[in-house]
């Protein structure tokens, strides 16, 4: 599962020399594609804070002090800021993705090709020492047609 790819601060992912394989590579690419909504960190408004803490109270949490809510052994503290997204535009923050020597094959290249086309910051994609044939290369090339900032595709 590659849900962590939604991290708006992730710039480089190096998984070289692992056994990510077809499904792992495709999952990483799909996760990046699903990461929509570029935005920014901003302070939590009073209204958002009130709604959040009310939901916690409704869920059985008790207010311990000004900053803590507790239910059994679980403690929640309101965040100081939130990530505000603009769902109108895709947002991939990766600049470098290294999947060298990972058993990546042609079917995974379909999703990786889509990633190349939609991930504007991506500059380096290393797929060396994998099982990619002409069919996979064509899928990668499809992504290059979309316009990209990719400067290194190995």
C-alpha atoms as a PDB file:
ATOM      1  CA  UNK A   1       0.000   0.000   0.000  1.00  0.00           C
ATOM      2  CA  UNK A   2       1.433   3.353  -1.020  1.00  0.00           C
ATOM      3  CA  UNK A   3      -0.969   5.715   0.749  1.00  0.00           C
ATOM      4  CA  UNK A   4       1.948   7.628   2.257  1.00  0.00           C
ATOM      5  CA  UNK A   5       2.557   9.073  -1.199  1.00  0.00           C
ATOM      6  CA  UNK A   6      -0.121  11.624  -0.367  1.00  0.00           C
ATOM      7  CA  UNK A   7       2.449  13.386   1.807  1.00  0.00           C
ATOM      8  CA  UNK A   8       2.645  16.891   0.307  1.00  0.00           C
ATOM      9  CA  UNK A   9       6.294  17.211   1.366  1.00  0.00           C
ATOM     10  CA  UNK A  10       7.676  14.005  -0.179  1.00  0.00           C
ATOM     11  CA  UNK A  11      10.251  14.927  -2.829  1.00  0.00           C
ATOM     12  CA  UNK A  12      12.397  11.830  -3.280  1.00  0.00           C
ATOM     13  CA  UNK A  13      11.554   8.135  -3.029  1.00  0.00           C
ATOM     14  CA  UNK A  14      14.404   5.653  -3.400  1.00  0.00           C
ATOM     15  CA  UNK A  15      13.305   2.025  -3.370  1.00  0.00           C
ATOM     16  CA  UNK A  16      16.206   0.729  -5.462  1.00  0.00           C
ATOM     17  CA  UNK A  17      17.236  -2.901  -5.101  1.00  0.00           C
ATOM     18  CA  UNK A  18      14.046  -4.040  -3.421  1.00  0.00           C
ATOM     19  CA  UNK A  19      11.473  -6.402  -4.855  1.00  0.00           C
ATOM     20  CA  UNK A  20       8.695  -3.910  -5.412  1.00  0.00           C
ATOM     21  CA  UNK A  21       7.611  -5.702  -8.585  1.00  0.00           C
ATOM     22  CA  UNK A  22       4.735  -5.052 -10.958  1.00  0.00           C
ATOM     23  CA  UNK A  23       2.049  -4.411  -8.363  1.00  0.00           C
ATOM     24  CA  UNK A  24       4.201  -2.324  -6.042  1.00  0.00           C
ATOM     25  CA  UNK A  25       5.388  -0.046  -8.847  1.00  0.00           C
ATOM     26  CA  UNK A  26       1.844   0.335 -10.176  1.00  0.00           C
ATOM     27  CA  UNK A  27       0.566   1.068  -6.657  1.00  0.00           C
ATOM     28  CA  UNK A  28       3.173   3.794  -6.145  1.00  0.00           C
ATOM     29  CA  UNK A  29       2.303   5.365  -9.508  1.00  0.00           C
ATOM     30  CA  UNK A  30      -1.457   5.211  -8.832  1.00  0.00           C
ATOM     31  CA  UNK A  31      -0.992   6.712  -5.398  1.00  0.00           C
ATOM     32  CA  UNK A  32       0.869   9.674  -6.875  1.00  0.00           C
ATOM     33  CA  UNK A  33      -1.821  10.080  -9.521  1.00  0.00           C
ATOM     34  CA  UNK A  34      -4.520  10.076  -6.844  1.00  0.00           C
ATOM     35  CA  UNK A  35      -2.713  12.756  -4.861  1.00  0.00           C
ATOM     36  CA  UNK A  36      -4.861  15.627  -6.091  1.00  0.00           C
ATOM     37  CA  UNK A  37      -5.117  18.993  -4.551  1.00  0.00           C
ATOM     38  CA  UNK A  38      -2.000  21.113  -4.390  1.00  0.00           C
ATOM     39  CA  UNK A  39      -2.300  23.566  -1.598  1.00  0.00           C
ATOM     40  CA  UNK A  40      -0.598  24.956   1.438  1.00  0.00           C
ATOM     41  CA  UNK A  41      -0.381  24.622   5.196  1.00  0.00           C
ATOM     42  CA  UNK A  42      -2.411  27.192   7.095  1.00  0.00           C
ATOM     43  CA  UNK A  43      -3.491  27.684  10.707  1.00  0.00           C
ATOM     44  CA  UNK A  44      -6.677  25.952  11.833  1.00  0.00           C
ATOM     45  CA  UNK A  45      -9.579  28.423  12.084  1.00  0.00           C
ATOM     46  CA  UNK A  46     -11.554  28.687  15.307  1.00  0.00           C
ATOM     47  CA  UNK A  47     -14.609  27.253  13.521  1.00  0.00           C
ATOM     48  CA  UNK A  48     -12.626  24.218  12.270  1.00  0.00           C
ATOM     49  CA  UNK A  49     -11.135  23.663  15.709  1.00  0.00           C
ATOM     50  CA  UNK A  50     -14.600  23.817  17.292  1.00  0.00           C
ATOM     51  CA  UNK A  51     -16.026  21.342  14.760  1.00  0.00           C
ATOM     52  CA  UNK A  52     -13.095  18.950  15.264  1.00  0.00           C
ATOM     53  CA  UNK A  53     -13.235  18.959  19.050  1.00  0.00           C
ATOM     54  CA  UNK A  54     -17.059  18.673  19.011  1.00  0.00           C
ATOM     55  CA  UNK A  55     -16.740  15.544  16.856  1.00  0.00           C
ATOM     56  CA  UNK A  56     -14.251  14.110  19.355  1.00  0.00           C
ATOM     57  CA  UNK A  57     -16.601  14.856  22.268  1.00  0.00           C
ATOM     58  CA  UNK A  58     -19.494  13.278  20.337  1.00  0.00           C
ATOM     59  CA  UNK A  59     -17.261  10.212  19.842  1.00  0.00           C
ATOM     60  CA  UNK A  60     -16.811   9.788  23.601  1.00  0.00           C
ATOM     61  CA  UNK A  61     -13.580  11.695  24.209  1.00  0.00           C
ATOM     62  CA  UNK A  62     -13.309  13.768  27.376  1.00  0.00           C
ATOM     63  CA  UNK A  63     -11.552  17.141  27.543  1.00  0.00           C
ATOM     64  CA  UNK A  64      -8.469  16.746  29.767  1.00  0.00           C
ATOM     65  CA  UNK A  65      -7.123  20.289  29.427  1.00  0.00           C
ATOM     66  CA  UNK A  66      -7.045  23.090  26.845  1.00  0.00           C
ATOM     67  CA  UNK A  67      -5.119  20.958  24.344  1.00  0.00           C
ATOM     68  CA  UNK A  68      -5.947  17.300  25.106  1.00  0.00           C
ATOM     69  CA  UNK A  69      -8.919  15.023  24.626  1.00  0.00           C
ATOM     70  CA  UNK A  70      -8.835  11.468  25.901  1.00  0.00           C
ATOM     71  CA  UNK A  71     -10.853   8.252  25.541  1.00  0.00           C
ATOM     72  CA  UNK A  72      -9.319   5.315  27.389  1.00  0.00           C
ATOM     73  CA  UNK A  73      -5.632   5.194  26.436  1.00  0.00           C
ATOM     74  CA  UNK A  74      -6.159   7.235  23.238  1.00  0.00           C
ATOM     75  CA  UNK A  75      -5.246  10.921  23.416  1.00  0.00           C
ATOM     76  CA  UNK A  76      -5.959  13.488  20.712  1.00  0.00           C
ATOM     77  CA  UNK A  77      -4.417  16.938  20.388  1.00  0.00           C
ATOM     78  CA  UNK A  78      -5.787  19.384  17.807  1.00  0.00           C
ATOM     79  CA  UNK A  79      -3.271  20.249  15.074  1.00  0.00           C
ATOM     80  CA  UNK A  80      -2.003  23.805  14.847  1.00  0.00           C
ATOM     81  CA  UNK A  81      -2.296  23.867  11.074  1.00  0.00           C
ATOM     82  CA  UNK A  82      -4.060  22.013   8.270  1.00  0.00           C
ATOM     83  CA  UNK A  83      -3.248  21.175   4.659  1.00  0.00           C
ATOM     84  CA  UNK A  84      -5.706  23.028   2.430  1.00  0.00           C
ATOM     85  CA  UNK A  85      -6.058  21.468  -0.999  1.00  0.00           C
ATOM     86  CA  UNK A  86      -7.285  22.759  -4.317  1.00  0.00           C
ATOM     87  CA  UNK A  87      -8.994  19.700  -5.818  1.00  0.00           C
ATOM     88  CA  UNK A  88      -9.064  21.351  -9.238  1.00  0.00           C
ATOM     89  CA  UNK A  89      -5.437  20.540  -9.999  1.00  0.00           C
ATOM     90  CA  UNK A  90      -3.319  17.420  -9.615  1.00  0.00           C
ATOM     91  CA  UNK A  91      -0.479  17.599  -7.165  1.00  0.00           C
ATOM     92  CA  UNK A  92       2.458  15.272  -7.237  1.00  0.00           C
ATOM     93  CA  UNK A  93       5.443  16.563  -5.304  1.00  0.00           C
ATOM     94  CA  UNK A  94       7.943  13.871  -6.287  1.00  0.00           C
ATOM     95  CA  UNK A  95      11.099  15.181  -7.946  1.00  0.00           C
ATOM     96  CA  UNK A  96      12.920  11.847  -7.966  1.00  0.00           C
ATOM     97  CA  UNK A  97      11.657   8.249  -8.080  1.00  0.00           C
ATOM     98  CA  UNK A  98      14.192   5.415  -8.078  1.00  0.00           C
ATOM     99  CA  UNK A  99      12.798   1.944  -8.773  1.00  0.00           C
ATOM    100  CA  UNK A 100      16.064   0.472 -10.060  1.00  0.00           C
ATOM    101  CA  UNK A 101      16.328  -3.355  -9.830  1.00  0.00           C
ATOM    102  CA  UNK A 102      12.759  -3.939  -8.700  1.00  0.00           C
ATOM    103  CA  UNK A 103      11.275  -6.513 -11.076  1.00  0.00           C
ATOM    104  CA  UNK A 104       9.210  -3.756 -12.726  1.00  0.00           C
ATOM    105  CA  UNK A 105       7.686  -4.996 -15.986  1.00  0.00           C
ATOM    106  CA  UNK A 106       5.596  -3.756 -18.917  1.00  0.00           C
ATOM    107  CA  UNK A 107       2.168  -3.707 -17.182  1.00  0.00           C
ATOM    108  CA  UNK A 108       3.575  -1.498 -14.403  1.00  0.00           C
ATOM    109  CA  UNK A 109       4.899   0.890 -17.060  1.00  0.00           C
ATOM    110  CA  UNK A 110       1.328   1.762 -18.048  1.00  0.00           C
ATOM    111  CA  UNK A 111       0.783   3.412 -14.643  1.00  0.00           C
ATOM    112  CA  UNK A 112       4.318   4.825 -14.559  1.00  0.00           C
ATOM    113  CA  UNK A 113       3.694   6.403 -17.969  1.00  0.00           C
ATOM    114  CA  UNK A 114       0.578   8.103 -16.578  1.00  0.00           C
ATOM    115  CA  UNK A 115       2.647   9.332 -13.641  1.00  0.00           C
ATOM    116  CA  UNK A 116       5.222  10.863 -15.996  1.00  0.00           C
ATOM    117  CA  UNK A 117       2.438  12.783 -17.751  1.00  0.00           C
ATOM    118  CA  UNK A 118       0.759  14.190 -14.654  1.00  0.00           C
ATOM    119  CA  UNK A 119       3.583  14.728 -12.166  1.00  0.00           C
ATOM    120  CA  UNK A 120       5.016  18.102 -13.190  1.00  0.00           C
ATOM    121  CA  UNK A 121       7.833  18.235 -10.584  1.00  0.00           C
ATOM    122  CA  UNK A 122       9.198  14.780 -11.523  1.00  0.00           C
ATOM    123  CA  UNK A 123      12.680  15.257 -12.991  1.00  0.00           C
ATOM    124  CA  UNK A 124      14.341  11.869 -12.472  1.00  0.00           C
ATOM    125  CA  UNK A 125      12.870   8.398 -12.938  1.00  0.00           C
ATOM    126  CA  UNK A 126      15.277   5.468 -12.625  1.00  0.00           C
ATOM    127  CA  UNK A 127      13.913   2.160 -13.927  1.00  0.00           C
ATOM    128  CA  UNK A 128      17.239   0.567 -14.817  1.00  0.00           C
ATOM    129  CA  UNK A 129      17.826  -3.157 -14.283  1.00  0.00           C
ATOM    130  CA  UNK A 130      14.140  -4.074 -14.585  1.00  0.00           C
ATOM    131  CA  UNK A 131      12.174  -6.261 -17.010  1.00  0.00           C
ATOM    132  CA  UNK A 132      10.944  -3.593 -19.408  1.00  0.00           C
ATOM    133  CA  UNK A 133      10.584  -4.420 -23.094  1.00  0.00           C
ATOM    134  CA  UNK A 134       9.596  -2.258 -26.066  1.00  0.00           C
ATOM    135  CA  UNK A 135       5.963  -2.498 -24.949  1.00  0.00           C
ATOM    136  CA  UNK A 136       6.797  -0.941 -21.582  1.00  0.00           C
ATOM    137  CA  UNK A 137       8.948   1.719 -23.222  1.00  0.00           C
ATOM    138  CA  UNK A 138       5.989   2.708 -25.401  1.00  0.00           C
ATOM    139  CA  UNK A 139       3.820   3.130 -22.285  1.00  0.00           C
ATOM    140  CA  UNK A 140       6.490   5.359 -20.732  1.00  0.00           C
ATOM    141  CA  UNK A 141       6.737   7.379 -23.959  1.00  0.00           C
ATOM    142  CA  UNK A 142       2.980   8.014 -23.837  1.00  0.00           C
ATOM    143  CA  UNK A 143       3.531   9.931 -20.617  1.00  0.00           C
ATOM    144  CA  UNK A 144       6.260  12.002 -22.232  1.00  0.00           C
ATOM    145  CA  UNK A 145       3.730  13.232 -24.816  1.00  0.00           C
ATOM    146  CA  UNK A 146       1.739  14.978 -22.076  1.00  0.00           C
ATOM    147  CA  UNK A 147       4.478  17.485 -21.420  1.00  0.00           C
ATOM    148  CA  UNK A 148       6.870  16.899 -18.583  1.00  0.00           C
ATOM    149  CA  UNK A 149       9.839  18.313 -16.704  1.00  0.00           C
ATOM    150  CA  UNK A 150      11.546  14.934 -16.761  1.00  0.00           C
ATOM    151  CA  UNK A 151      15.265  15.378 -17.469  1.00  0.00           C
ATOM    152  CA  UNK A 152      16.445  11.849 -16.692  1.00  0.00           C
ATOM    153  CA  UNK A 153      14.699   8.591 -17.556  1.00  0.00           C
ATOM    154  CA  UNK A 154      17.032   5.662 -16.999  1.00  0.00           C
END
